[in-house]
Amino acid sequence: MDNQKLGIFITELRKEKGLTQAQLAQKLNVTDKAVSKWERGVGFPDIKLLEPLADVLDISLLELMKSERLPKTTVSAPDTTDAFQNVIDLASYERKIERQRIALVTLFIVLLIALIFLVDIMQSFGFLFVCLPIILFFLGIWFLRLSHKKSTHKHAFLFAGLLAFAYPLCLILLFCFAFALGGPVPN
């Protein structure tokens, strides 16, 4: 199911009905931000909302799944099969997104607890010079990876990635030039 095509189709039908995004959202008991995401092709409606959405827009569920108006003639078996395959794909996509969210939240909580223990064990000086640069290095890699994947907020992720690399880079430069700056001298 093509999210861009579905978004354009929902936008056209909503405008034909003379509804704003807020009015459509109110009829479906969702936020106007959710409707905006659907119309921009950033997200899909929840599977439970497909039938109510089709009802509000006065189209069949098959037309909504195919993202196009169909003639009022009989529906062929391949069309029905394709539409229901789209529903199955949509449901599996939603499950995948939900599993990713749960995994990210779990990972964040585990890392936060580990970070608290690291600060306690290493004391602040050790943490600032050992753990924090490593954490920021990997965080920088993650942000730079996100800057290449996401089309929205690309520059923000790039800036955050470069900023995360700044602290470890400064520490490395400080250690490399410590002798030139009058740092520790061997006895």
C-alpha atoms as a PDB file:
ATOM      1  CA  MET A   1       0.000   0.000   0.000  1.00  0.00           C
ATOM      2  CA  ASP A   2       1.492   3.292  -1.111  1.00  0.00           C
ATOM      3  CA  ASN A   3       1.314   5.813   1.733  1.00  0.00           C
ATOM      4  CA  GLN A   4       1.843   8.810  -0.594  1.00  0.00           C
ATOM      5  CA  LYS A   5      -0.981   7.722  -2.890  1.00  0.00           C
ATOM      6  CA  LEU A   6      -3.275   7.076   0.084  1.00  0.00           C
ATOM      7  CA  GLY A   7      -2.446  10.485   1.525  1.00  0.00           C
ATOM      8  CA  ILE A   8      -3.294  12.288  -1.722  1.00  0.00           C
ATOM      9  CA  PHE A   9      -6.516  10.269  -2.023  1.00  0.00           C
ATOM     10  CA  ILE A  10      -7.623  11.110   1.537  1.00  0.00           C
ATOM     11  CA  THR A  11      -6.815  14.791   0.949  1.00  0.00           C
ATOM     12  CA  GLU A  12      -8.870  14.908  -2.258  1.00  0.00           C
ATOM     13  CA  LEU A  13     -11.871  13.179  -0.674  1.00  0.00           C
ATOM     14  CA  ARG A  14     -11.725  15.352   2.443  1.00  0.00           C
ATOM     15  CA  LYS A  15     -11.683  18.505   0.339  1.00  0.00           C
ATOM     16  CA  GLU A  16     -14.557  17.201  -1.822  1.00  0.00           C
ATOM     17  CA  LYS A  17     -16.574  16.797   1.375  1.00  0.00           C
ATOM     18  CA  GLY A  18     -15.630  20.332   2.429  1.00  0.00           C
ATOM     19  CA  LEU A  19     -14.015  19.105   5.640  1.00  0.00           C
ATOM     20  CA  THR A  20     -10.955  20.491   7.338  1.00  0.00           C
ATOM     21  CA  GLN A  21      -8.354  18.164   8.825  1.00  0.00           C
ATOM     22  CA  ALA A  22      -9.657  19.061  12.278  1.00  0.00           C
ATOM     23  CA  GLN A  23     -13.251  18.223  11.329  1.00  0.00           C
ATOM     24  CA  LEU A  24     -12.231  14.877   9.824  1.00  0.00           C
ATOM     25  CA  ALA A  25     -10.148  14.143  12.903  1.00  0.00           C
ATOM     26  CA  GLN A  26     -13.076  14.980  15.169  1.00  0.00           C
ATOM     27  CA  LYS A  27     -15.379  12.595  13.281  1.00  0.00           C
ATOM     28  CA  LEU A  28     -12.814   9.807  13.687  1.00  0.00           C
ATOM     29  CA  ASN A  29     -11.854  10.672  17.295  1.00  0.00           C
ATOM     30  CA  VAL A  30      -8.210  11.240  16.385  1.00  0.00           C
ATOM     31  CA  THR A  31      -5.998  14.319  16.415  1.00  0.00           C
ATOM     32  CA  ASP A  32      -5.665  16.634  13.455  1.00  0.00           C
ATOM     33  CA  LYS A  33      -1.932  15.853  13.549  1.00  0.00           C
ATOM     34  CA  ALA A  34      -2.756  12.210  12.782  1.00  0.00           C
ATOM     35  CA  VAL A  35      -4.830  13.258   9.764  1.00  0.00           C
ATOM     36  CA  SER A  36      -1.997  15.532   8.663  1.00  0.00           C
ATOM     37  CA  LYS A  37       0.454  12.607   8.846  1.00  0.00           C
ATOM     38  CA  TRP A  38      -1.834  10.435   6.728  1.00  0.00           C
ATOM     39  CA  GLU A  39      -2.250  13.151   4.116  1.00  0.00           C
ATOM     40  CA  ARG A  40       1.477  13.865   3.935  1.00  0.00           C
ATOM     41  CA  GLY A  41       2.169  10.154   3.523  1.00  0.00           C
ATOM     42  CA  VAL A  42       4.192   9.997   6.735  1.00  0.00           C
ATOM     43  CA  GLY A  43       1.896   7.475   8.430  1.00  0.00           C
ATOM     44  CA  PHE A  44      -1.091   5.217   7.917  1.00  0.00           C
ATOM     45  CA  PRO A  45      -4.437   5.268   9.662  1.00  0.00           C
ATOM     46  CA  ASP A  46      -4.804   2.648  12.370  1.00  0.00           C
ATOM     47  CA  ILE A  47      -6.406  -0.509  11.001  1.00  0.00           C
ATOM     48  CA  LYS A  48      -9.394   0.037  13.294  1.00  0.00           C
ATOM     49  CA  LEU A  49      -9.986   3.413  11.625  1.00  0.00           C
ATOM     50  CA  LEU A  50     -10.107   2.208   8.020  1.00  0.00           C
ATOM     51  CA  GLU A  51     -13.806   1.373   7.978  1.00  0.00           C
ATOM     52  CA  PRO A  52     -14.914   4.553   9.824  1.00  0.00           C
ATOM     53  CA  LEU A  53     -12.653   6.607   7.529  1.00  0.00           C
ATOM     54  CA  ALA A  54     -14.206   5.030   4.453  1.00  0.00           C
ATOM     55  CA  ASP A  55     -17.679   5.728   5.874  1.00  0.00           C
ATOM     56  CA  VAL A  56     -16.897   9.396   6.595  1.00  0.00           C
ATOM     57  CA  LEU A  57     -15.467   9.858   3.099  1.00  0.00           C
ATOM     58  CA  ASP A  58     -18.418   7.964   1.495  1.00  0.00           C
ATOM     59  CA  ILE A  59     -16.296   5.377  -0.258  1.00  0.00           C
ATOM     60  CA  SER A  60     -15.942   1.632   0.004  1.00  0.00           C
ATOM     61  CA  LEU A  61     -13.198   0.021   2.019  1.00  0.00           C
ATOM     62  CA  LEU A  62     -11.822  -1.421  -1.211  1.00  0.00           C
ATOM     63  CA  GLU A  63     -11.588   2.069  -2.744  1.00  0.00           C
ATOM     64  CA  LEU A  64      -9.762   3.305   0.340  1.00  0.00           C
ATOM     65  CA  MET A  65      -7.325   0.380   0.223  1.00  0.00           C
ATOM     66  CA  LYS A  66      -6.633   0.857  -3.490  1.00  0.00           C
ATOM     67  CA  SER A  67      -6.518   4.665  -3.019  1.00  0.00           C
ATOM     68  CA  GLU A  68      -8.657   5.268  -6.073  1.00  0.00           C
ATOM     69  CA  ARG A  69     -12.300   5.528  -7.048  1.00  0.00           C
ATOM     70  CA  LEU A  70     -13.718   2.354  -8.528  1.00  0.00           C
ATOM     71  CA  PRO A  71     -16.700   2.115 -10.860  1.00  0.00           C
ATOM     72  CA  LYS A  72     -19.890   1.050  -9.121  1.00  0.00           C
ATOM     73  CA  THR A  73     -19.849  -2.292 -10.957  1.00  0.00           C
ATOM     74  CA  THR A  74     -19.057  -5.642  -9.452  1.00  0.00           C
ATOM     75  CA  VAL A  75     -15.724  -6.051  -7.777  1.00  0.00           C
ATOM     76  CA  SER A  76     -13.375  -8.673  -9.145  1.00  0.00           C
ATOM     77  CA  ALA A  77     -11.709 -11.267  -6.965  1.00  0.00           C
ATOM     78  CA  PRO A  78      -8.157 -10.040  -7.683  1.00  0.00           C
ATOM     79  CA  ASP A  79      -9.143  -6.504  -6.604  1.00  0.00           C
ATOM     80  CA  THR A  80     -10.560  -7.827  -3.361  1.00  0.00           C
ATOM     81  CA  THR A  81      -7.508  -9.994  -2.781  1.00  0.00           C
ATOM     82  CA  ASP A  82      -5.187  -7.047  -3.403  1.00  0.00           C
ATOM     83  CA  ALA A  83      -7.174  -4.823  -1.042  1.00  0.00           C
ATOM     84  CA  PHE A  84      -7.105  -7.342   1.756  1.00  0.00           C
ATOM     85  CA  GLN A  85      -3.426  -8.000   1.145  1.00  0.00           C
ATOM     86  CA  ASN A  86      -2.952  -4.248   1.619  1.00  0.00           C
ATOM     87  CA  VAL A  87      -4.814  -4.472   4.936  1.00  0.00           C
ATOM     88  CA  ILE A  88      -2.597  -7.347   6.042  1.00  0.00           C
ATOM     89  CA  ASP A  89       0.519  -5.402   4.989  1.00  0.00           C
ATOM     90  CA  LEU A  90      -0.726  -2.377   6.895  1.00  0.00           C
ATOM     91  CA  ALA A  91      -1.357  -4.431  10.032  1.00  0.00           C
ATOM     92  CA  SER A  92       2.096  -6.015   9.882  1.00  0.00           C
ATOM     93  CA  TYR A  93       3.651  -2.568   9.338  1.00  0.00           C
ATOM     94  CA  GLU A  94       1.843  -1.250  12.427  1.00  0.00           C
ATOM     95  CA  ARG A  95       3.004  -4.242  14.481  1.00  0.00           C
ATOM     96  CA  LYS A  96       6.584  -3.685  13.297  1.00  0.00           C
ATOM     97  CA  ILE A  97       6.451  -0.001  14.297  1.00  0.00           C
ATOM     98  CA  GLU A  98       4.973  -0.881  17.695  1.00  0.00           C
ATOM     99  CA  ARG A  99       7.681  -3.497  18.339  1.00  0.00           C
ATOM    100  CA  GLN A 100      10.359  -0.955  17.402  1.00  0.00           C
ATOM    101  CA  ARG A 101       8.902   1.583  19.816  1.00  0.00           C
ATOM    102  CA  ILE A 102       8.795  -0.948  22.641  1.00  0.00           C
ATOM    103  CA  ALA A 103      12.382  -2.021  21.914  1.00  0.00           C
ATOM    104  CA  LEU A 104      13.600   1.588  21.874  1.00  0.00           C
ATOM    105  CA  VAL A 105      11.877   2.446  25.151  1.00  0.00           C
ATOM    106  CA  THR A 106      13.242  -0.701  26.792  1.00  0.00           C
ATOM    107  CA  LEU A 107      16.747   0.025  25.500  1.00  0.00           C
ATOM    108  CA  PHE A 108      16.537   3.619  26.717  1.00  0.00           C
ATOM    109  CA  ILE A 109      15.486   2.529  30.216  1.00  0.00           C
ATOM    110  CA  VAL A 110      18.245  -0.100  30.433  1.00  0.00           C
ATOM    111  CA  LEU A 111      20.866   2.388  29.227  1.00  0.00           C
ATOM    112  CA  LEU A 112      19.653   5.008  31.683  1.00  0.00           C
ATOM    113  CA  ILE A 113      19.946   2.570  34.593  1.00  0.00           C
ATOM    114  CA  ALA A 114      23.401   1.481  33.395  1.00  0.00           C
ATOM    115  CA  LEU A 115      24.438   5.116  33.095  1.00  0.00           C
ATOM    116  CA  ILE A 116      23.364   5.819  36.667  1.00  0.00           C
ATOM    117  CA  PHE A 117      25.439   2.879  37.907  1.00  0.00           C
ATOM    118  CA  LEU A 118      28.442   3.958  35.805  1.00  0.00           C
ATOM    119  CA  VAL A 119      28.380   7.466  37.249  1.00  0.00           C
ATOM    120  CA  ASP A 120      28.172   6.009  40.754  1.00  0.00           C
ATOM    121  CA  ILE A 121      30.984   3.487  40.218  1.00  0.00           C
ATOM    122  CA  MET A 122      33.427   5.686  38.282  1.00  0.00           C
ATOM    123  CA  GLN A 123      32.819   8.948  40.104  1.00  0.00           C
ATOM    124  CA  SER A 124      32.296  12.067  38.033  1.00  0.00           C
ATOM    125  CA  PHE A 125      35.904  12.551  36.865  1.00  0.00           C
ATOM    126  CA  GLY A 126      36.215   9.033  35.458  1.00  0.00           C
ATOM    127  CA  PHE A 127      32.800   9.263  33.886  1.00  0.00           C
ATOM    128  CA  LEU A 128      33.569  12.577  32.160  1.00  0.00           C
ATOM    129  CA  PHE A 129      36.828  11.337  30.656  1.00  0.00           C
ATOM    130  CA  VAL A 130      36.034   7.685  29.919  1.00  0.00           C
ATOM    131  CA  CYS A 131      32.345   6.857  29.578  1.00  0.00           C
ATOM    132  CA  LEU A 132      30.859  10.113  28.321  1.00  0.00           C
ATOM    133  CA  PRO A 133      33.133  10.374  25.255  1.00  0.00           C
ATOM    134  CA  ILE A 134      32.312   6.792  24.278  1.00  0.00           C
ATOM    135  CA  ILE A 135      28.589   7.385  24.771  1.00  0.00           C
ATOM    136  CA  LEU A 136      28.686  10.621  22.780  1.00  0.00           C
ATOM    137  CA  PHE A 137      30.706   8.979  20.005  1.00  0.00           C
ATOM    138  CA  PHE A 138      28.066   6.279  19.473  1.00  0.00           C
ATOM    139  CA  LEU A 139      25.272   8.812  19.875  1.00  0.00           C
ATOM    140  CA  GLY A 140      26.928  10.907  17.158  1.00  0.00           C
ATOM    141  CA  ILE A 141      27.068   7.901  14.841  1.00  0.00           C
ATOM    142  CA  TRP A 142      23.379   7.231  15.492  1.00  0.00           C
ATOM    143  CA  PHE A 143      22.391  10.857  14.779  1.00  0.00           C
ATOM    144  CA  LEU A 144      24.452  10.944  11.583  1.00  0.00           C
ATOM    145  CA  ARG A 145      22.791   7.706  10.471  1.00  0.00           C
ATOM    146  CA  LEU A 146      19.387   9.255  11.160  1.00  0.00           C
ATOM    147  CA  SER A 147      20.351  12.355   9.175  1.00  0.00           C
ATOM    148  CA  HIS A 148      20.842  10.164   6.102  1.00  0.00           C
ATOM    149  CA  LYS A 149      17.617   8.179   6.591  1.00  0.00           C
ATOM    150  CA  LYS A 150      15.098  10.877   7.508  1.00  0.00           C
ATOM    151  CA  SER A 151      13.933  13.383   4.946  1.00  0.00           C
ATOM    152  CA  THR A 152      12.447  15.643   7.616  1.00  0.00           C
ATOM    153  CA  HIS A 153      14.703  17.164  10.280  1.00  0.00           C
ATOM    154  CA  LYS A 154      17.764  16.100   8.282  1.00  0.00           C
ATOM    155  CA  HIS A 155      19.790  19.156   9.281  1.00  0.00           C
ATOM    156  CA  ALA A 156      18.825  18.863  12.942  1.00  0.00           C
ATOM    157  CA  PHE A 157      20.077  15.272  13.113  1.00  0.00           C
ATOM    158  CA  LEU A 158      23.253  16.221  11.266  1.00  0.00           C
ATOM    159  CA  PHE A 159      23.891  19.098  13.684  1.00  0.00           C
ATOM    160  CA  ALA A 160      23.187  16.878  16.714  1.00  0.00           C
ATOM    161  CA  GLY A 161      25.556  14.218  15.370  1.00  0.00           C
ATOM    162  CA  LEU A 162      28.371  16.706  14.811  1.00  0.00           C
ATOM    163  CA  LEU A 163      27.741  18.244  18.226  1.00  0.00           C
ATOM    164  CA  ALA A 164      27.914  14.805  19.858  1.00  0.00           C
ATOM    165  CA  PHE A 165      31.294  14.215  18.183  1.00  0.00           C
ATOM    166  CA  ALA A 166      32.674  17.546  19.433  1.00  0.00           C
ATOM    167  CA  TYR A 167      33.325  16.484  23.068  1.00  0.00           C
ATOM    168  CA  PRO A 168      35.188  13.225  22.287  1.00  0.00           C
ATOM    169  CA  LEU A 169      37.177  15.000  19.568  1.00  0.00           C
ATOM    170  CA  CYS A 170      38.178  17.793  21.966  1.00  0.00           C
ATOM    171  CA  LEU A 171      39.318  15.230  24.554  1.00  0.00           C
ATOM    172  CA  ILE A 172      41.366  13.343  21.974  1.00  0.00           C
ATOM    173  CA  LEU A 173      43.011  16.579  20.829  1.00  0.00           C
ATOM    174  CA  LEU A 174      43.647  17.572  24.451  1.00  0.00           C
ATOM    175  CA  PHE A 175      45.347  14.254  25.184  1.00  0.00           C
ATOM    176  CA  CYS A 176      47.376  14.376  21.947  1.00  0.00           C
ATOM    177  CA  PHE A 177      48.692  17.866  22.614  1.00  0.00           C
ATOM    178  CA  ALA A 178      48.939  17.623  26.409  1.00  0.00           C
ATOM    179  CA  PHE A 179      52.731  17.659  26.323  1.00  0.00           C
ATOM    180  CA  ALA A 180      52.839  20.671  24.021  1.00  0.00           C
ATOM    181  CA  LEU A 181      50.494  22.501  26.379  1.00  0.00           C
ATOM    182  CA  GLY A 182      52.740  21.832  29.387  1.00  0.00           C
ATOM    183  CA  GLY A 183      50.896  18.745  30.529  1.00  0.00           C
ATOM    184  CA  PRO A 184      52.324  15.858  32.504  1.00  0.00           C
ATOM    185  CA  VAL A 185      56.027  15.343  31.998  1.00  0.00           C
ATOM    186  CA  PRO A 186      57.662  11.963  32.708  1.00  0.00           C
ATOM    187  CA  ASN A 187      60.124  11.912  35.629  1.00  0.00           C
END
